[in-house]
Amino acid sequence: MHYRLYKDRINQWRWRLIAANGKTLADSGESYWNKADAQHAIDLVKGSYSAPVYE
């Protein structure tokens, strides 16, 4: 599993979480002007593993 940073069609940064089988598990849902902002969003997601899950 890994994250992939990329530029979208309007030249802004986005990210995807890719599973070992190549399927997308999650994406940024929004674009970022700066690559550092997209990286920060990834760091926030990585740090949320202990967040509660609600139905």
PDB file of N, CA and C in Angstrom:
ATOM      1  N   MET A   1       0.853  -1.167   0.000  1.00  0.00           N
ATOM      2  CA  MET A   1       0.000   0.000   0.000  1.00  0.00           C
ATOM      3  C   MET A   1       0.899   1.230   0.000  1.00  0.00           C
ATOM      4  N   HIS A   2       0.481   2.238  -0.764  1.00  0.00           N
ATOM      5  CA  HIS A   2       1.267   3.465  -0.824  1.00  0.00           C
ATOM      6  C   HIS A   2       0.381   4.653  -1.227  1.00  0.00           C
ATOM      7  N   TYR A   3       0.904   5.829  -0.993  1.00  0.00           N
ATOM      8  CA  TYR A   3       0.252   7.061  -1.426  1.00  0.00           C
ATOM      9  C   TYR A   3       0.906   7.529  -2.715  1.00  0.00           C
ATOM     10  N   ARG A   4       0.120   8.124  -3.580  1.00  0.00           N
ATOM     11  CA  ARG A   4       0.651   8.681  -4.815  1.00  0.00           C
ATOM     12  C   ARG A   4       0.232  10.142  -4.920  1.00  0.00           C
ATOM     13  N   LEU A   5       1.192  11.040  -5.027  1.00  0.00           N
ATOM     14  CA  LEU A   5       0.934  12.464  -5.274  1.00  0.00           C
ATOM     15  C   LEU A   5       0.945  12.692  -6.778  1.00  0.00           C
ATOM     16  N   TYR A   6       0.013  13.471  -7.262  1.00  0.00           N
ATOM     17  CA  TYR A   6      -0.022  13.751  -8.699  1.00  0.00           C
ATOM     18  C   TYR A   6      -0.693  15.094  -8.945  1.00  0.00           C
ATOM     19  N   LYS A   7      -0.476  15.627 -10.150  1.00  0.00           N
ATOM     20  CA  LYS A   7      -1.146  16.859 -10.567  1.00  0.00           C
ATOM     21  C   LYS A   7      -2.365  16.484 -11.392  1.00  0.00           C
ATOM     22  N   ASP A   8      -3.487  17.153 -11.113  1.00  0.00           N
ATOM     23  CA  ASP A   8      -4.725  16.867 -11.837  1.00  0.00           C
ATOM     24  C   ASP A   8      -4.790  17.672 -13.131  1.00  0.00           C
ATOM     25  N   ARG A   9      -5.928  17.612 -13.799  1.00  0.00           N
ATOM     26  CA  ARG A   9      -6.058  18.269 -15.109  1.00  0.00           C
ATOM     27  C   ARG A   9      -5.991  19.786 -15.041  1.00  0.00           C
ATOM     28  N   ILE A  10      -6.212  20.370 -13.856  1.00  0.00           N
ATOM     29  CA  ILE A  10      -6.088  21.826 -13.728  1.00  0.00           C
ATOM     30  C   ILE A  10      -4.775  22.214 -13.045  1.00  0.00           C
ATOM     31  N   ASN A  11      -3.830  21.253 -13.052  1.00  0.00           N
ATOM     32  CA  ASN A  11      -2.462  21.483 -12.589  1.00  0.00           C
ATOM     33  C   ASN A  11      -2.358  21.757 -11.089  1.00  0.00           C
ATOM     34  N   GLN A  12      -3.263  21.159 -10.312  1.00  0.00           N
ATOM     35  CA  GLN A  12      -3.188  21.244  -8.857  1.00  0.00           C
ATOM     36  C   GLN A  12      -2.870  19.861  -8.305  1.00  0.00           C
ATOM     37  N   TRP A  13      -2.378  19.828  -7.076  1.00  0.00           N
ATOM     38  CA  TRP A  13      -1.933  18.584  -6.454  1.00  0.00           C
ATOM     39  C   TRP A  13      -3.077  17.819  -5.805  1.00  0.00           C
ATOM     40  N   ARG A  14      -3.039  16.494  -5.940  1.00  0.00           N
ATOM     41  CA  ARG A  14      -3.971  15.578  -5.309  1.00  0.00           C
ATOM     42  C   ARG A  14      -3.188  14.363  -4.839  1.00  0.00           C
ATOM     43  N   TRP A  15      -3.847  13.511  -4.034  1.00  0.00           N
ATOM     44  CA  TRP A  15      -3.214  12.264  -3.622  1.00  0.00           C
ATOM     45  C   TRP A  15      -4.206  11.126  -3.696  1.00  0.00           C
ATOM     46  N   ARG A  16      -3.658   9.921  -3.805  1.00  0.00           N
ATOM     47  CA  ARG A  16      -4.444   8.692  -3.777  1.00  0.00           C
ATOM     48  C   ARG A  16      -3.725   7.694  -2.879  1.00  0.00           C
ATOM     49  N   LEU A  17      -4.506   6.885  -2.164  1.00  0.00           N
ATOM     50  CA  LEU A  17      -3.976   5.754  -1.406  1.00  0.00           C
ATOM     51  C   LEU A  17      -4.239   4.528  -2.268  1.00  0.00           C
ATOM     52  N   ILE A  18      -3.156   3.856  -2.669  1.00  0.00           N
ATOM     53  CA  ILE A  18      -3.231   2.733  -3.595  1.00  0.00           C
ATOM     54  C   ILE A  18      -2.931   1.435  -2.851  1.00  0.00           C
ATOM     55  N   ALA A  19      -3.777   0.428  -3.026  1.00  0.00           N
ATOM     56  CA  ALA A  19      -3.575  -0.888  -2.410  1.00  0.00           C
ATOM     57  C   ALA A  19      -2.508  -1.654  -3.187  1.00  0.00           C
ATOM     58  N   ALA A  20      -2.036  -2.743  -2.607  1.00  0.00           N
ATOM     59  CA  ALA A  20      -1.012  -3.579  -3.243  1.00  0.00           C
ATOM     60  C   ALA A  20      -1.493  -4.128  -4.592  1.00  0.00           C
ATOM     61  N   ASN A  21      -2.808  -4.304  -4.753  1.00  0.00           N
ATOM     62  CA  ASN A  21      -3.345  -4.814  -6.020  1.00  0.00           C
ATOM     63  C   ASN A  21      -3.577  -3.708  -7.053  1.00  0.00           C
ATOM     64  N   GLY A  22      -3.203  -2.465  -6.725  1.00  0.00           N
ATOM     65  CA  GLY A  22      -3.318  -1.356  -7.666  1.00  0.00           C
ATOM     66  C   GLY A  22      -4.630  -0.595  -7.611  1.00  0.00           C
ATOM     67  N   LYS A  23      -5.549  -1.022  -6.775  1.00  0.00           N
ATOM     68  CA  LYS A  23      -6.839  -0.331  -6.672  1.00  0.00           C
ATOM     69  C   LYS A  23      -6.741   0.860  -5.726  1.00  0.00           C
ATOM     70  N   THR A  24      -7.483   1.903  -6.037  1.00  0.00           N
ATOM     71  CA  THR A  24      -7.526   3.100  -5.206  1.00  0.00           C
ATOM     72  C   THR A  24      -8.416   2.849  -4.001  1.00  0.00           C
ATOM     73  N   LEU A  25      -7.848   3.066  -2.810  1.00  0.00           N
ATOM     74  CA  LEU A  25      -8.610   2.898  -1.572  1.00  0.00           C
ATOM     75  C   LEU A  25      -9.205   4.213  -1.101  1.00  0.00           C
ATOM     76  N   ALA A  26      -8.487   5.310  -1.345  1.00  0.00           N
ATOM     77  CA  ALA A  26      -8.941   6.638  -0.914  1.00  0.00           C
ATOM     78  C   ALA A  26      -8.286   7.682  -1.800  1.00  0.00           C
ATOM     79  N   ASP A  27      -8.912   8.848  -1.858  1.00  0.00           N
ATOM     80  CA  ASP A  27      -8.293   9.968  -2.572  1.00  0.00           C
ATOM     81  C   ASP A  27      -8.510  11.251  -1.795  1.00  0.00           C
ATOM     82  N   SER A  28      -7.848  12.296  -2.250  1.00  0.00           N
ATOM     83  CA  SER A  28      -7.856  13.556  -1.514  1.00  0.00           C
ATOM     84  C   SER A  28      -9.226  14.221  -1.490  1.00  0.00           C
ATOM     85  N   GLY A  29     -10.028  14.028  -2.496  1.00  0.00           N
ATOM     86  CA  GLY A  29     -11.343  14.643  -2.525  1.00  0.00           C
ATOM     87  C   GLY A  29     -11.313  16.129  -2.853  1.00  0.00           C
ATOM     88  N   GLU A  30     -10.147  16.702  -2.810  1.00  0.00           N
ATOM     89  CA  GLU A  30      -9.967  18.110  -3.181  1.00  0.00           C
ATOM     90  C   GLU A  30      -8.556  18.279  -3.706  1.00  0.00           C
ATOM     91  N   SER A  31      -8.313  19.379  -4.391  1.00  0.00           N
ATOM     92  CA  SER A  31      -6.979  19.646  -4.915  1.00  0.00           C
ATOM     93  C   SER A  31      -6.304  20.746  -4.097  1.00  0.00           C
ATOM     94  N   TYR A  32      -4.991  20.792  -4.196  1.00  0.00           N
ATOM     95  CA  TYR A  32      -4.174  21.726  -3.431  1.00  0.00           C
ATOM     96  C   TYR A  32      -3.263  22.490  -4.381  1.00  0.00           C
ATOM     97  N   TRP A  33      -3.115  23.775  -4.137  1.00  0.00           N
ATOM     98  CA  TRP A  33      -2.218  24.591  -4.960  1.00  0.00           C
ATOM     99  C   TRP A  33      -0.762  24.193  -4.765  1.00  0.00           C
ATOM    100  N   ASN A  34      -0.403  23.863  -3.517  1.00  0.00           N
ATOM    101  CA  ASN A  34       0.987  23.554  -3.201  1.00  0.00           C
ATOM    102  C   ASN A  34       1.165  22.072  -2.913  1.00  0.00           C
ATOM    103  N   LYS A  35       2.270  21.520  -3.387  1.00  0.00           N
ATOM    104  CA  LYS A  35       2.589  20.127  -3.128  1.00  0.00           C
ATOM    105  C   LYS A  35       2.704  19.876  -1.622  1.00  0.00           C
ATOM    106  N   ALA A  36       3.267  20.836  -0.892  1.00  0.00           N
ATOM    107  CA  ALA A  36       3.425  20.691   0.560  1.00  0.00           C
ATOM    108  C   ALA A  36       2.073  20.564   1.256  1.00  0.00           C
ATOM    109  N   ASP A  37       1.058  21.247   0.764  1.00  0.00           N
ATOM    110  CA  ASP A  37      -0.280  21.138   1.354  1.00  0.00           C
ATOM    111  C   ASP A  37      -0.870  19.748   1.124  1.00  0.00           C
ATOM    112  N   ALA A  38      -0.641  19.186  -0.054  1.00  0.00           N
ATOM    113  CA  ALA A  38      -1.114  17.827  -0.338  1.00  0.00           C
ATOM    114  C   ALA A  38      -0.383  16.826   0.552  1.00  0.00           C
ATOM    115  N   GLN A  39       0.921  17.015   0.728  1.00  0.00           N
ATOM    116  CA  GLN A  39       1.697  16.136   1.600  1.00  0.00           C
ATOM    117  C   GLN A  39       1.198  16.235   3.042  1.00  0.00           C
ATOM    118  N   HIS A  40       0.867  17.438   3.474  1.00  0.00           N
ATOM    119  CA  HIS A  40       0.333  17.627   4.826  1.00  0.00           C
ATOM    120  C   HIS A  40      -0.992  16.877   4.993  1.00  0.00           C
ATOM    121  N   ALA A  41      -1.829  16.901   3.973  1.00  0.00           N
ATOM    122  CA  ALA A  41      -3.101  16.167   4.026  1.00  0.00           C
ATOM    123  C   ALA A  41      -2.847  14.666   4.160  1.00  0.00           C
ATOM    124  N   ILE A  42      -1.853  14.147   3.454  1.00  0.00           N
ATOM    125  CA  ILE A  42      -1.485  12.738   3.589  1.00  0.00           C
ATOM    126  C   ILE A  42      -1.054  12.455   5.015  1.00  0.00           C
ATOM    127  N   ASP A  43      -0.241  13.331   5.581  1.00  0.00           N
ATOM    128  CA  ASP A  43       0.220  13.148   6.959  1.00  0.00           C
ATOM    129  C   ASP A  43      -0.943  13.137   7.942  1.00  0.00           C
ATOM    130  N   LEU A  44      -1.957  13.951   7.695  1.00  0.00           N
ATOM    131  CA  LEU A  44      -3.140  13.956   8.555  1.00  0.00           C
ATOM    132  C   LEU A  44      -3.889  12.630   8.475  1.00  0.00           C
ATOM    133  N   VAL A  45      -4.009  12.084   7.286  1.00  0.00           N
ATOM    134  CA  VAL A  45      -4.686  10.805   7.109  1.00  0.00           C
ATOM    135  C   VAL A  45      -3.880   9.691   7.771  1.00  0.00           C
ATOM    136  N   LYS A  46      -2.578   9.709   7.593  1.00  0.00           N
ATOM    137  CA  LYS A  46      -1.714   8.696   8.213  1.00  0.00           C
ATOM    138  C   LYS A  46      -1.838   8.739   9.726  1.00  0.00           C
ATOM    139  N   GLY A  47      -2.004   9.912  10.274  1.00  0.00           N
ATOM    140  CA  GLY A  47      -2.086  10.076  11.728  1.00  0.00           C
ATOM    141  C   GLY A  47      -3.450   9.779  12.303  1.00  0.00           C
ATOM    142  N   SER A  48      -4.406   9.446  11.453  1.00  0.00           N
ATOM    143  CA  SER A  48      -5.777   9.249  11.940  1.00  0.00           C
ATOM    144  C   SER A  48      -6.121   7.779  12.196  1.00  0.00           C
ATOM    145  N   TYR A  49      -5.135   6.911  12.231  1.00  0.00           N
ATOM    146  CA  TYR A  49      -5.419   5.483  12.386  1.00  0.00           C
ATOM    147  C   TYR A  49      -6.118   5.154  13.697  1.00  0.00           C
ATOM    148  N   SER A  50      -5.978   5.995  14.703  1.00  0.00           N
ATOM    149  CA  SER A  50      -6.628   5.713  15.984  1.00  0.00           C
ATOM    150  C   SER A  50      -7.958   6.458  16.142  1.00  0.00           C
ATOM    151  N   ALA A  51      -8.402   7.129  15.103  1.00  0.00           N
ATOM    152  CA  ALA A  51      -9.670   7.864  15.166  1.00  0.00           C
ATOM    153  C   ALA A  51     -10.830   6.878  15.264  1.00  0.00           C
ATOM    154  N   PRO A  52     -11.849   7.221  16.025  1.00  0.00           N
ATOM    155  CA  PRO A  52     -13.006   6.320  16.139  1.00  0.00           C
ATOM    156  C   PRO A  52     -13.789   6.241  14.832  1.00  0.00           C
ATOM    157  N   VAL A  53     -14.509   5.156  14.673  1.00  0.00           N
ATOM    158  CA  VAL A  53     -15.358   4.948  13.492  1.00  0.00           C
ATOM    159  C   VAL A  53     -16.809   4.919  13.965  1.00  0.00           C
ATOM    160  N   TYR A  54     -17.663   5.694  13.313  1.00  0.00           N
ATOM    161  CA  TYR A  54     -19.076   5.764  13.675  1.00  0.00           C
ATOM    162  C   TYR A  54     -19.925   5.299  12.490  1.00  0.00           C
ATOM    163  N   GLU A  55     -21.039   4.665  12.797  1.00  0.00           N
ATOM    164  CA  GLU A  55     -21.987   4.268  11.735  1.00  0.00           C
ATOM    165  C   GLU A  55     -23.185   5.166  11.760  1.00  0.00           C
TER     166      GLU A  55
END
